Amino acid sequence: MNIDAARKPVGRLASEIAKILLGKDAATYAPHRTAATRVVVTRTDQMVFTGRKMAQKVWRRHSGYHGGLKALPAAKLMARDSRRVLQRAVKGMLPKNRLLKPRLKQLTLYRNGG
């Protein structure tokens, strides 16, 4: 399935993709299997954040050491690689089990037309 990400909000796009990767849109849905559908998303450079999220959204992780908090603003990640923004959003909407990696492998992202 091909999806054009141009001028679409990141969250709405990610929830649509997650639903397809789970297989909830198919009549043959089974929670213990990955869906047979592959998702190709083009023009991720033209995705948008609603409101002030581009300036305010920050992904954080901690190394475990004192002062080891790493922060990655959405604007910086979007400028570096917009595909990773969408991949993080989709990954957060999928169940965290042994099918997570196989489901994410069915997702292909392209910055431009592809």
PDB file of N, CA and C in Angstrom:
ATOM      1  N   MET A   1       0.838  -1.167   0.000  1.00  0.00           N
ATOM      2  CA  MET A   1       0.000   0.000   0.000  1.00  0.00           C
ATOM      3  C   MET A   1       0.892   1.241   0.000  1.00  0.00           C
ATOM      4  N   ASN A   2       0.611   2.166  -0.886  1.00  0.00           N
ATOM      5  CA  ASN A   2       1.383   3.399  -0.998  1.00  0.00           C
ATOM      6  C   ASN A   2       0.642   4.539  -0.303  1.00  0.00           C
ATOM      7  N   ILE A   3       1.397   5.317   0.475  1.00  0.00           N
ATOM      8  CA  ILE A   3       0.829   6.463   1.187  1.00  0.00           C
ATOM      9  C   ILE A   3       1.703   7.678   0.912  1.00  0.00           C
ATOM     10  N   ASP A   4       1.068   8.779   0.550  1.00  0.00           N
ATOM     11  CA  ASP A   4       1.776  10.034   0.337  1.00  0.00           C
ATOM     12  C   ASP A   4       1.672  10.864   1.616  1.00  0.00           C
ATOM     13  N   ALA A   5       2.813  11.206   2.202  1.00  0.00           N
ATOM     14  CA  ALA A   5       2.836  11.897   3.494  1.00  0.00           C
ATOM     15  C   ALA A   5       2.814  13.415   3.372  1.00  0.00           C
ATOM     16  N   ALA A   6       2.765  13.937   2.173  1.00  0.00           N
ATOM     17  CA  ALA A   6       2.837  15.383   1.980  1.00  0.00           C
ATOM     18  C   ALA A   6       1.656  16.087   2.642  1.00  0.00           C
ATOM     19  N   ARG A   7       1.964  17.091   3.472  1.00  0.00           N
ATOM     20  CA  ARG A   7       0.995  17.952   4.145  1.00  0.00           C
ATOM     21  C   ARG A   7       0.026  17.188   5.043  1.00  0.00           C
ATOM     22  N   LYS A   8       0.467  16.051   5.598  1.00  0.00           N
ATOM     23  CA  LYS A   8      -0.360  15.295   6.543  1.00  0.00           C
ATOM     24  C   LYS A   8       0.275  15.369   7.923  1.00  0.00           C
ATOM     25  N   PRO A   9      -0.535  15.462   8.971  1.00  0.00           N
ATOM     26  CA  PRO A   9       0.016  15.481  10.332  1.00  0.00           C
ATOM     27  C   PRO A   9       0.677  14.145  10.682  1.00  0.00           C
ATOM     28  N   VAL A  10       1.786  14.206  11.386  1.00  0.00           N
ATOM     29  CA  VAL A  10       2.583  13.025  11.699  1.00  0.00           C
ATOM     30  C   VAL A  10       1.776  11.996  12.488  1.00  0.00           C
ATOM     31  N   GLY A  11       1.062  12.426  13.508  1.00  0.00           N
ATOM     32  CA  GLY A  11       0.331  11.496  14.363  1.00  0.00           C
ATOM     33  C   GLY A  11      -0.790  10.769  13.644  1.00  0.00           C
ATOM     34  N   ARG A  12      -1.545  11.477  12.839  1.00  0.00           N
ATOM     35  CA  ARG A  12      -2.650  10.854  12.106  1.00  0.00           C
ATOM     36  C   ARG A  12      -2.120   9.877  11.070  1.00  0.00           C
ATOM     37  N   LEU A  13      -1.023  10.248  10.441  1.00  0.00           N
ATOM     38  CA  LEU A  13      -0.384   9.371   9.464  1.00  0.00           C
ATOM     39  C   LEU A  13       0.143   8.113  10.146  1.00  0.00           C
ATOM     40  N   ALA A  14       0.770   8.280  11.309  1.00  0.00           N
ATOM     41  CA  ALA A  14       1.335   7.141  12.038  1.00  0.00           C
ATOM     42  C   ALA A  14       0.249   6.187  12.514  1.00  0.00           C
ATOM     43  N   SER A  15      -0.880   6.709  12.966  1.00  0.00           N
ATOM     44  CA  SER A  15      -1.947   5.822  13.436  1.00  0.00           C
ATOM     45  C   SER A  15      -2.560   5.042  12.278  1.00  0.00           C
ATOM     46  N   GLU A  16      -2.653   5.661  11.121  1.00  0.00           N
ATOM     47  CA  GLU A  16      -3.156   4.977   9.931  1.00  0.00           C
ATOM     48  C   GLU A  16      -2.205   3.848   9.522  1.00  0.00           C
ATOM     49  N   ILE A  17      -0.899   4.132   9.545  1.00  0.00           N
ATOM     50  CA  ILE A  17       0.109   3.133   9.183  1.00  0.00           C
ATOM     51  C   ILE A  17       0.121   1.992  10.198  1.00  0.00           C
ATOM     52  N   ALA A  18       0.030   2.314  11.485  1.00  0.00           N
ATOM     53  CA  ALA A  18       0.035   1.285  12.528  1.00  0.00           C
ATOM     54  C   ALA A  18      -1.157   0.345  12.373  1.00  0.00           C
ATOM     55  N   LYS A  19      -2.298   0.889  12.027  1.00  0.00           N
ATOM     56  CA  LYS A  19      -3.491   0.072  11.829  1.00  0.00           C
ATOM     57  C   LYS A  19      -3.291  -0.911  10.669  1.00  0.00           C
ATOM     58  N   ILE A  20      -2.654  -0.436   9.603  1.00  0.00           N
ATOM     59  CA  ILE A  20      -2.398  -1.291   8.443  1.00  0.00           C
ATOM     60  C   ILE A  20      -1.374  -2.368   8.786  1.00  0.00           C
ATOM     61  N   LEU A  21      -0.295  -1.982   9.500  1.00  0.00           N
ATOM     62  CA  LEU A  21       0.743  -2.948   9.862  1.00  0.00           C
ATOM     63  C   LEU A  21       0.218  -4.013  10.819  1.00  0.00           C
ATOM     64  N   LEU A  22      -0.714  -3.656  11.678  1.00  0.00           N
ATOM     65  CA  LEU A  22      -1.329  -4.634  12.571  1.00  0.00           C
ATOM     66  C   LEU A  22      -2.248  -5.582  11.812  1.00  0.00           C
ATOM     67  N   GLY A  23      -2.747  -5.134  10.661  1.00  0.00           N
ATOM     68  CA  GLY A  23      -3.647  -5.956   9.869  1.00  0.00           C
ATOM     69  C   GLY A  23      -5.098  -5.780  10.251  1.00  0.00           C
ATOM     70  N   LYS A  24      -5.398  -4.741  11.024  1.00  0.00           N
ATOM     71  CA  LYS A  24      -6.770  -4.531  11.487  1.00  0.00           C
ATOM     72  C   LYS A  24      -7.715  -4.143  10.351  1.00  0.00           C
ATOM     73  N   ASP A  25      -7.171  -3.708   9.229  1.00  0.00           N
ATOM     74  CA  ASP A  25      -8.014  -3.322   8.104  1.00  0.00           C
ATOM     75  C   ASP A  25      -8.368  -4.509   7.215  1.00  0.00           C
ATOM     76  N   ALA A  26      -7.753  -5.680   7.451  1.00  0.00           N
ATOM     77  CA  ALA A  26      -7.968  -6.857   6.612  1.00  0.00           C
ATOM     78  C   ALA A  26      -8.993  -7.798   7.244  1.00  0.00           C
ATOM     79  N   ALA A  27      -9.678  -8.537   6.393  1.00  0.00           N
ATOM     80  CA  ALA A  27     -10.654  -9.513   6.878  1.00  0.00           C
ATOM     81  C   ALA A  27      -9.972 -10.723   7.507  1.00  0.00           C
ATOM     82  N   THR A  28      -8.702 -10.918   7.196  1.00  0.00           N
ATOM     83  CA  THR A  28      -7.958 -12.076   7.707  1.00  0.00           C
ATOM     84  C   THR A  28      -7.131 -11.718   8.933  1.00  0.00           C
ATOM     85  N   TYR A  29      -7.576 -10.753   9.727  1.00  0.00           N
ATOM     86  CA  TYR A  29      -6.820 -10.303  10.895  1.00  0.00           C
ATOM     87  C   TYR A  29      -6.660 -11.414  11.921  1.00  0.00           C
ATOM     88  N   ALA A  30      -5.427 -11.583  12.378  1.00  0.00           N
ATOM     89  CA  ALA A  30      -5.134 -12.490  13.486  1.00  0.00           C
ATOM     90  C   ALA A  30      -4.075 -11.805  14.341  1.00  0.00           C
ATOM     91  N   PRO A  31      -4.285 -11.676  15.653  1.00  0.00           N
ATOM     92  CA  PRO A  31      -3.345 -10.925  16.481  1.00  0.00           C
ATOM     93  C   PRO A  31      -1.971 -11.568  16.621  1.00  0.00           C
ATOM     94  N   HIS A  32      -1.853 -12.862  16.300  1.00  0.00           N
ATOM     95  CA  HIS A  32      -0.578 -13.556  16.464  1.00  0.00           C
ATOM     96  C   HIS A  32       0.250 -13.593  15.182  1.00  0.00           C
ATOM     97  N   ARG A  33      -0.221 -12.935  14.110  1.00  0.00           N
ATOM     98  CA  ARG A  33       0.504 -12.924  12.844  1.00  0.00           C
ATOM     99  C   ARG A  33       0.700 -11.494  12.353  1.00  0.00           C
ATOM    100  N   THR A  34       1.741 -11.320  11.534  1.00  0.00           N
ATOM    101  CA  THR A  34       1.922 -10.023  10.888  1.00  0.00           C
ATOM    102  C   THR A  34       1.030  -9.970   9.654  1.00  0.00           C
ATOM    103  N   ALA A  35       0.635  -8.789   9.273  1.00  0.00           N
ATOM    104  CA  ALA A  35      -0.200  -8.624   8.088  1.00  0.00           C
ATOM    105  C   ALA A  35       0.646  -8.828   6.839  1.00  0.00           C
ATOM    106  N   ALA A  36       0.013  -9.255   5.771  1.00  0.00           N
ATOM    107  CA  ALA A  36       0.726  -9.491   4.519  1.00  0.00           C
ATOM    108  C   ALA A  36       0.965  -8.197   3.752  1.00  0.00           C
ATOM    109  N   THR A  37       0.423  -7.101   4.219  1.00  0.00           N
ATOM    110  CA  THR A  37       0.511  -5.818   3.525  1.00  0.00           C
ATOM    111  C   THR A  37       1.817  -5.103   3.846  1.00  0.00           C
ATOM    112  N   ARG A  38       2.497  -4.644   2.794  1.00  0.00           N
ATOM    113  CA  ARG A  38       3.679  -3.806   2.965  1.00  0.00           C
ATOM    114  C   ARG A  38       3.240  -2.355   2.770  1.00  0.00           C
ATOM    115  N   VAL A  39       3.806  -1.454   3.561  1.00  0.00           N
ATOM    116  CA  VAL A  39       3.432  -0.041   3.497  1.00  0.00           C
ATOM    117  C   VAL A  39       4.631   0.760   3.006  1.00  0.00           C
ATOM    118  N   VAL A  40       4.435   1.532   1.943  1.00  0.00           N
ATOM    119  CA  VAL A  40       5.471   2.405   1.393  1.00  0.00           C
ATOM    120  C   VAL A  40       4.989   3.841   1.553  1.00  0.00           C
ATOM    121  N   VAL A  41       5.770   4.643   2.264  1.00  0.00           N
ATOM    122  CA  VAL A  41       5.406   6.041   2.513  1.00  0.00           C
ATOM    123  C   VAL A  41       6.400   6.930   1.777  1.00  0.00           C
ATOM    124  N   THR A  42       5.888   7.851   0.977  1.00  0.00           N
ATOM    125  CA  THR A  42       6.741   8.765   0.214  1.00  0.00           C
ATOM    126  C   THR A  42       6.564  10.192   0.713  1.00  0.00           C
ATOM    127  N   ARG A  43       7.538  11.026   0.412  1.00  0.00           N
ATOM    128  CA  ARG A  43       7.554  12.460   0.722  1.00  0.00           C
ATOM    129  C   ARG A  43       7.403  12.743   2.216  1.00  0.00           C
ATOM    130  N   THR A  44       8.212  12.061   3.034  1.00  0.00           N
ATOM    131  CA  THR A  44       8.167  12.313   4.478  1.00  0.00           C
ATOM    132  C   THR A  44       8.744  13.677   4.828  1.00  0.00           C
ATOM    133  N   ASP A  45       9.518  14.276   3.936  1.00  0.00           N
ATOM    134  CA  ASP A  45      10.056  15.616   4.187  1.00  0.00           C
ATOM    135  C   ASP A  45       8.953  16.669   4.266  1.00  0.00           C
ATOM    136  N   GLN A  46       7.795  16.370   3.698  1.00  0.00           N
ATOM    137  CA  GLN A  46       6.715  17.350   3.644  1.00  0.00           C
ATOM    138  C   GLN A  46       5.628  17.099   4.688  1.00  0.00           C
ATOM    139  N   MET A  47       5.892  16.212   5.657  1.00  0.00           N
ATOM    140  CA  MET A  47       4.948  15.992   6.761  1.00  0.00           C
ATOM    141  C   MET A  47       4.893  17.246   7.623  1.00  0.00           C
ATOM    142  N   VAL A  48       3.816  17.400   8.372  1.00  0.00           N
ATOM    143  CA  VAL A  48       3.690  18.563   9.244  1.00  0.00           C
ATOM    144  C   VAL A  48       3.355  18.124  10.666  1.00  0.00           C
ATOM    145  N   PHE A  49       3.727  18.961  11.617  1.00  0.00           N
ATOM    146  CA  PHE A  49       3.295  18.826  13.002  1.00  0.00           C
ATOM    147  C   PHE A  49       2.196  19.845  13.221  1.00  0.00           C
ATOM    148  N   THR A  50       1.178  19.486  13.987  1.00  0.00           N
ATOM    149  CA  THR A  50       0.122  20.446  14.284  1.00  0.00           C
ATOM    150  C   THR A  50       0.524  21.283  15.490  1.00  0.00           C
ATOM    151  N   GLY A  51      -0.022  22.460  15.570  1.00  0.00           N
ATOM    152  CA  GLY A  51       0.258  23.339  16.705  1.00  0.00           C
ATOM    153  C   GLY A  51       1.719  23.754  16.769  1.00  0.00           C
ATOM    154  N   ARG A  52       2.273  23.767  17.994  1.00  0.00           N
ATOM    155  CA  ARG A  52       3.659  24.202  18.190  1.00  0.00           C
ATOM    156  C   ARG A  52       4.594  23.022  18.445  1.00  0.00           C
ATOM    157  N   LYS A  53       4.177  21.827  18.021  1.00  0.00           N
ATOM    158  CA  LYS A  53       4.968  20.630  18.315  1.00  0.00           C
ATOM    159  C   LYS A  53       6.357  20.665  17.699  1.00  0.00           C
ATOM    160  N   MET A  54       6.501  21.272  16.539  1.00  0.00           N
ATOM    161  CA  MET A  54       7.822  21.329  15.899  1.00  0.00           C
ATOM    162  C   MET A  54       8.824  22.036  16.803  1.00  0.00           C
ATOM    163  N   ALA A  55       8.377  23.042  17.527  1.00  0.00           N
ATOM    164  CA  ALA A  55       9.273  23.784  18.414  1.00  0.00           C
ATOM    165  C   ALA A  55       9.343  23.180  19.813  1.00  0.00           C
ATOM    166  N   GLN A  56       8.276  22.513  20.263  1.00  0.00           N
ATOM    167  CA  GLN A  56       8.208  22.076  21.654  1.00  0.00           C
ATOM    168  C   GLN A  56       8.467  20.591  21.882  1.00  0.00           C
ATOM    169  N   LYS A  57       8.190  19.741  20.894  1.00  0.00           N
ATOM    170  CA  LYS A  57       8.316  18.293  21.109  1.00  0.00           C
ATOM    171  C   LYS A  57       9.777  17.894  21.219  1.00  0.00           C
ATOM    172  N   VAL A  58      10.079  17.094  22.251  1.00  0.00           N
ATOM    173  CA  VAL A  58      11.449  16.631  22.495  1.00  0.00           C
ATOM    174  C   VAL A  58      11.396  15.160  22.891  1.00  0.00           C
ATOM    175  N   TRP A  59      12.228  14.341  22.233  1.00  0.00           N
ATOM    176  CA  TRP A  59      12.377  12.946  22.640  1.00  0.00           C
ATOM    177  C   TRP A  59      13.563  12.874  23.581  1.00  0.00           C
ATOM    178  N   ARG A  60      13.366  12.194  24.717  1.00  0.00           N
ATOM    179  CA  ARG A  60      14.422  12.113  25.731  1.00  0.00           C
ATOM    180  C   ARG A  60      14.784  10.665  25.994  1.00  0.00           C
ATOM    181  N   ARG A  61      16.067  10.445  26.315  1.00  0.00           N
ATOM    182  CA  ARG A  61      16.519   9.136  26.776  1.00  0.00           C
ATOM    183  C   ARG A  61      17.633   9.367  27.788  1.00  0.00           C
ATOM    184  N   HIS A  62      17.826   8.404  28.664  1.00  0.00           N
ATOM    185  CA  HIS A  62      18.812   8.560  29.724  1.00  0.00           C
ATOM    186  C   HIS A  62      19.791   7.409  29.666  1.00  0.00           C
ATOM    187  N   SER A  63      21.082   7.728  29.819  1.00  0.00           N
ATOM    188  CA  SER A  63      22.128   6.714  29.739  1.00  0.00           C
ATOM    189  C   SER A  63      22.266   5.919  31.030  1.00  0.00           C
ATOM    190  N   GLY A  64      21.737   6.435  32.119  1.00  0.00           N
ATOM    191  CA  GLY A  64      21.874   5.769  33.405  1.00  0.00           C
ATOM    192  C   GLY A  64      22.933   6.417  34.277  1.00  0.00           C
ATOM    193  N   TYR A  65      23.746   7.280  33.688  1.00  0.00           N
ATOM    194  CA  TYR A  65      24.770   8.001  34.439  1.00  0.00           C
ATOM    195  C   TYR A  65      24.230   9.361  34.874  1.00  0.00           C
ATOM    196  N   HIS A  66      24.868   9.954  35.888  1.00  0.00           N
ATOM    197  CA  HIS A  66      24.476  11.284  36.333  1.00  0.00           C
ATOM    198  C   HIS A  66      24.671  12.279  35.192  1.00  0.00           C
ATOM    199  N   GLY A  67      23.675  13.074  34.954  1.00  0.00           N
ATOM    200  CA  GLY A  67      23.750  14.060  33.879  1.00  0.00           C
ATOM    201  C   GLY A  67      23.665  13.433  32.498  1.00  0.00           C
ATOM    202  N   GLY A  68      23.198  12.208  32.418  1.00  0.00           N
ATOM    203  CA  GLY A  68      23.177  11.483  31.148  1.00  0.00           C
ATOM    204  C   GLY A  68      21.881  11.593  30.384  1.00  0.00           C
ATOM    205  N   LEU A  69      21.126  12.658  30.589  1.00  0.00           N
ATOM    206  CA  LEU A  69      19.873  12.853  29.878  1.00  0.00           C
ATOM    207  C   LEU A  69      20.166  13.432  28.499  1.00  0.00           C
ATOM    208  N   LYS A  70      19.771  12.716  27.471  1.00  0.00           N
ATOM    209  CA  LYS A  70      19.962  13.173  26.097  1.00  0.00           C
ATOM    210  C   LYS A  70      18.613  13.643  25.567  1.00  0.00           C
ATOM    211  N   ALA A  71      18.586  14.801  24.952  1.00  0.00           N
ATOM    212  CA  ALA A  71      17.350  15.356  24.411  1.00  0.00           C
ATOM    213  C   ALA A  71      17.508  15.577  22.913  1.00  0.00           C
ATOM    214  N   LEU A  72      16.480  15.214  22.164  1.00  0.00           N
ATOM    215  CA  LEU A  72      16.492  15.376  20.718  1.00  0.00           C
ATOM    216  C   LEU A  72      15.220  16.109  20.301  1.00  0.00           C
ATOM    217  N   PRO A  73      15.320  17.393  19.951  1.00  0.00           N
ATOM    218  CA  PRO A  73      14.141  18.159  19.543  1.00  0.00           C
ATOM    219  C   PRO A  73      13.593  17.674  18.202  1.00  0.00           C
ATOM    220  N   ALA A  74      12.295  17.802  18.022  1.00  0.00           N
ATOM    221  CA  ALA A  74      11.641  17.350  16.800  1.00  0.00           C
ATOM    222  C   ALA A  74      12.155  18.104  15.576  1.00  0.00           C
ATOM    223  N   ALA A  75      12.395  19.396  15.714  1.00  0.00           N
ATOM    224  CA  ALA A  75      12.865  20.190  14.575  1.00  0.00           C
ATOM    225  C   ALA A  75      14.228  19.705  14.092  1.00  0.00           C
ATOM    226  N   LYS A  76      15.095  19.349  15.038  1.00  0.00           N
ATOM    227  CA  LYS A  76      16.435  18.884  14.679  1.00  0.00           C
ATOM    228  C   LYS A  76      16.371  17.523  13.984  1.00  0.00           C
ATOM    229  N   LEU A  77      15.550  16.605  14.512  1.00  0.00           N
ATOM    230  CA  LEU A  77      15.428  15.284  13.902  1.00  0.00           C
ATOM    231  C   LEU A  77      14.746  15.374  12.545  1.00  0.00           C
ATOM    232  N   MET A  78      13.774  16.250  12.412  1.00  0.00           N
ATOM    233  CA  MET A  78      13.075  16.429  11.135  1.00  0.00           C
ATOM    234  C   MET A  78      14.030  16.957  10.075  1.00  0.00           C
ATOM    235  N   ALA A  79      14.927  17.855  10.469  1.00  0.00           N
ATOM    236  CA  ALA A  79      15.900  18.400   9.520  1.00  0.00           C
ATOM    237  C   ALA A  79      16.943  17.352   9.148  1.00  0.00           C
ATOM    238  N   ARG A  80      17.331  16.520  10.122  1.00  0.00           N
ATOM    239  CA  ARG A  80      18.356  15.506   9.878  1.00  0.00           C
ATOM    240  C   ARG A  80      17.812  14.353   9.041  1.00  0.00           C
ATOM    241  N   ASP A  81      16.685  13.774   9.472  1.00  0.00           N
ATOM    242  CA  ASP A  81      16.103  12.634   8.760  1.00  0.00           C
ATOM    243  C   ASP A  81      14.625  12.520   9.135  1.00  0.00           C
ATOM    244  N   SER A  82      13.762  12.972   8.250  1.00  0.00           N
ATOM    245  CA  SER A  82      12.331  12.987   8.536  1.00  0.00           C
ATOM    246  C   SER A  82      11.743  11.581   8.621  1.00  0.00           C
ATOM    247  N   ARG A  83      12.415  10.601   8.035  1.00  0.00           N
ATOM    248  CA  ARG A  83      11.919   9.224   8.095  1.00  0.00           C
ATOM    249  C   ARG A  83      11.928   8.698   9.524  1.00  0.00           C
ATOM    250  N   ARG A  84      12.922   9.102  10.310  1.00  0.00           N
ATOM    251  CA  ARG A  84      13.026   8.620  11.690  1.00  0.00           C
ATOM    252  C   ARG A  84      11.919   9.181  12.577  1.00  0.00           C
ATOM    253  N   VAL A  85      11.429  10.371  12.250  1.00  0.00           N
ATOM    254  CA  VAL A  85      10.317  10.959  13.004  1.00  0.00           C
ATOM    255  C   VAL A  85       9.083  10.072  12.859  1.00  0.00           C
ATOM    256  N   LEU A  86       8.769   9.702  11.627  1.00  0.00           N
ATOM    257  CA  LEU A  86       7.594   8.870  11.378  1.00  0.00           C
ATOM    258  C   LEU A  86       7.790   7.456  11.920  1.00  0.00           C
ATOM    259  N   GLN A  87       9.001   6.932  11.808  1.00  0.00           N
ATOM    260  CA  GLN A  87       9.263   5.587  12.315  1.00  0.00           C
ATOM    261  C   GLN A  87       9.092   5.535  13.838  1.00  0.00           C
ATOM    262  N   ARG A  88       9.551   6.567  14.541  1.00  0.00           N
ATOM    263  CA  ARG A  88       9.374   6.631  15.999  1.00  0.00           C
ATOM    264  C   ARG A  88       7.894   6.691  16.357  1.00  0.00           C
ATOM    265  N   ALA A  89       7.136   7.467  15.600  1.00  0.00           N
ATOM    266  CA  ALA A  89       5.708   7.612  15.884  1.00  0.00           C
ATOM    267  C   ALA A  89       4.969   6.289  15.666  1.00  0.00           C
ATOM    268  N   VAL A  90       5.287   5.602  14.582  1.00  0.00           N
ATOM    269  CA  VAL A  90       4.636   4.321  14.287  1.00  0.00           C
ATOM    270  C   VAL A  90       5.037   3.279  15.324  1.00  0.00           C
ATOM    271  N   LYS A  91       6.318   3.244  15.677  1.00  0.00           N
ATOM    272  CA  LYS A  91       6.804   2.269  16.658  1.00  0.00           C
ATOM    273  C   LYS A  91       6.103   2.451  18.003  1.00  0.00           C
ATOM    274  N   GLY A  92       5.833   3.691  18.370  1.00  0.00           N
ATOM    275  CA  GLY A  92       5.143   3.955  19.621  1.00  0.00           C
ATOM    276  C   GLY A  92       3.693   3.513  19.620  1.00  0.00           C
ATOM    277  N   MET A  93       3.110   3.322  18.438  1.00  0.00           N
ATOM    278  CA  MET A  93       1.706   2.934  18.333  1.00  0.00           C
ATOM    279  C   MET A  93       1.508   1.439  18.137  1.00  0.00           C
ATOM    280  N   LEU A  94       2.595   0.701  17.977  1.00  0.00           N
ATOM    281  CA  LEU A  94       2.500  -0.751  17.816  1.00  0.00           C
ATOM    282  C   LEU A  94       2.728  -1.439  19.158  1.00  0.00           C
ATOM    283  N   PRO A  95       2.149  -2.631  19.353  1.00  0.00           N
ATOM    284  CA  PRO A  95       2.377  -3.348  20.606  1.00  0.00           C
ATOM    285  C   PRO A  95       3.831  -3.778  20.749  1.00  0.00           C
ATOM    286  N   LYS A  96       4.350  -3.704  21.984  1.00  0.00           N
ATOM    287  CA  LYS A  96       5.754  -4.046  22.240  1.00  0.00           C
ATOM    288  C   LYS A  96       5.855  -5.543  22.523  1.00  0.00           C
ATOM    289  N   ASN A  97       5.916  -6.344  21.470  1.00  0.00           N
ATOM    290  CA  ASN A  97       6.062  -7.783  21.621  1.00  0.00           C
ATOM    291  C   ASN A  97       6.996  -8.307  20.532  1.00  0.00           C
ATOM    292  N   ARG A  98       7.076  -9.613  20.367  1.00  0.00           N
ATOM    293  CA  ARG A  98       8.045 -10.180  19.431  1.00  0.00           C
ATOM    294  C   ARG A  98       7.699  -9.904  17.971  1.00  0.00           C
ATOM    295  N   LEU A  99       6.516  -9.398  17.694  1.00  0.00           N
ATOM    296  CA  LEU A  99       6.130  -9.074  16.327  1.00  0.00           C
ATOM    297  C   LEU A  99       6.455  -7.632  15.950  1.00  0.00           C
ATOM    298  N   LEU A 100       6.994  -6.855  16.878  1.00  0.00           N
ATOM    299  CA  LEU A 100       7.282  -5.446  16.597  1.00  0.00           C
ATOM    300  C   LEU A 100       8.290  -5.297  15.460  1.00  0.00           C
ATOM    301  N   LYS A 101       9.420  -5.980  15.545  1.00  0.00           N
ATOM    302  CA  LYS A 101      10.446  -5.850  14.503  1.00  0.00           C
ATOM    303  C   LYS A 101       9.969  -6.351  13.142  1.00  0.00           C
ATOM    304  N   PRO A 102       9.320  -7.528  13.054  1.00  0.00           N
ATOM    305  CA  PRO A 102       8.814  -7.943  11.737  1.00  0.00           C
ATOM    306  C   PRO A 102       7.796  -6.971  11.154  1.00  0.00           C
ATOM    307  N   ARG A 103       6.989  -6.363  12.003  1.00  0.00           N
ATOM    308  CA  ARG A 103       6.007  -5.398  11.501  1.00  0.00           C
ATOM    309  C   ARG A 103       6.693  -4.137  10.995  1.00  0.00           C
ATOM    310  N   LEU A 104       7.709  -3.666  11.704  1.00  0.00           N
ATOM    311  CA  LEU A 104       8.418  -2.464  11.258  1.00  0.00           C
ATOM    312  C   LEU A 104       9.208  -2.718   9.979  1.00  0.00           C
ATOM    313  N   LYS A 105       9.615  -3.959   9.730  1.00  0.00           N
ATOM    314  CA  LYS A 105      10.329  -4.281   8.491  1.00  0.00           C
ATOM    315  C   LYS A 105       9.417  -4.167   7.276  1.00  0.00           C
ATOM    316  N   GLN A 106       8.109  -4.221   7.495  1.00  0.00           N
ATOM    317  CA  GLN A 106       7.161  -4.085   6.394  1.00  0.00           C
ATOM    318  C   GLN A 106       6.880  -2.621   6.051  1.00  0.00           C
ATOM    319  N   LEU A 107       7.516  -1.722   6.770  1.00  0.00           N
ATOM    320  CA  LEU A 107       7.347  -0.286   6.539  1.00  0.00           C
ATOM    321  C   LEU A 107       8.575   0.261   5.819  1.00  0.00           C
ATOM    322  N   THR A 108       8.361   0.866   4.655  1.00  0.00           N
ATOM    323  CA  THR A 108       9.436   1.481   3.885  1.00  0.00           C
ATOM    324  C   THR A 108       9.147   2.971   3.772  1.00  0.00           C
ATOM    325  N   LEU A 109      10.151   3.783   4.102  1.00  0.00           N
ATOM    326  CA  LEU A 109       9.969   5.234   4.114  1.00  0.00           C
ATOM    327  C   LEU A 109      10.927   5.898   3.132  1.00  0.00           C
ATOM    328  N   TYR A 110      10.429   6.880   2.389  1.00  0.00           N
ATOM    329  CA  TYR A 110      11.240   7.654   1.456  1.00  0.00           C
ATOM    330  C   TYR A 110      11.052   9.137   1.741  1.00  0.00           C
ATOM    331  N   ARG A 111      12.152   9.879   1.694  1.00  0.00           N
ATOM    332  CA  ARG A 111      12.074  11.324   1.938  1.00  0.00           C
ATOM    333  C   ARG A 111      11.344  12.041   0.814  1.00  0.00           C
ATOM    334  N   ASN A 112      11.708  11.722  -0.412  1.00  0.00           N
ATOM    335  CA  ASN A 112      11.106  12.376  -1.575  1.00  0.00           C
ATOM    336  C   ASN A 112      10.132  11.417  -2.244  1.00  0.00           C
ATOM    337  N   GLY A 113      10.010  11.510  -3.543  1.00  0.00           N
ATOM    338  CA  GLY A 113       9.069  10.680  -4.289  1.00  0.00           C
ATOM    339  C   GLY A 113       9.320   9.192  -4.201  1.00  0.00           C
ATOM    340  N   GLY A 114      10.553   8.769  -3.961  1.00  0.00           N
ATOM    341  CA  GLY A 114      10.855   7.346  -3.828  1.00  0.00           C
ATOM    342  C   GLY A 114      11.002   6.733  -5.144  1.00  0.00           C
TER     343      GLY A 114
END
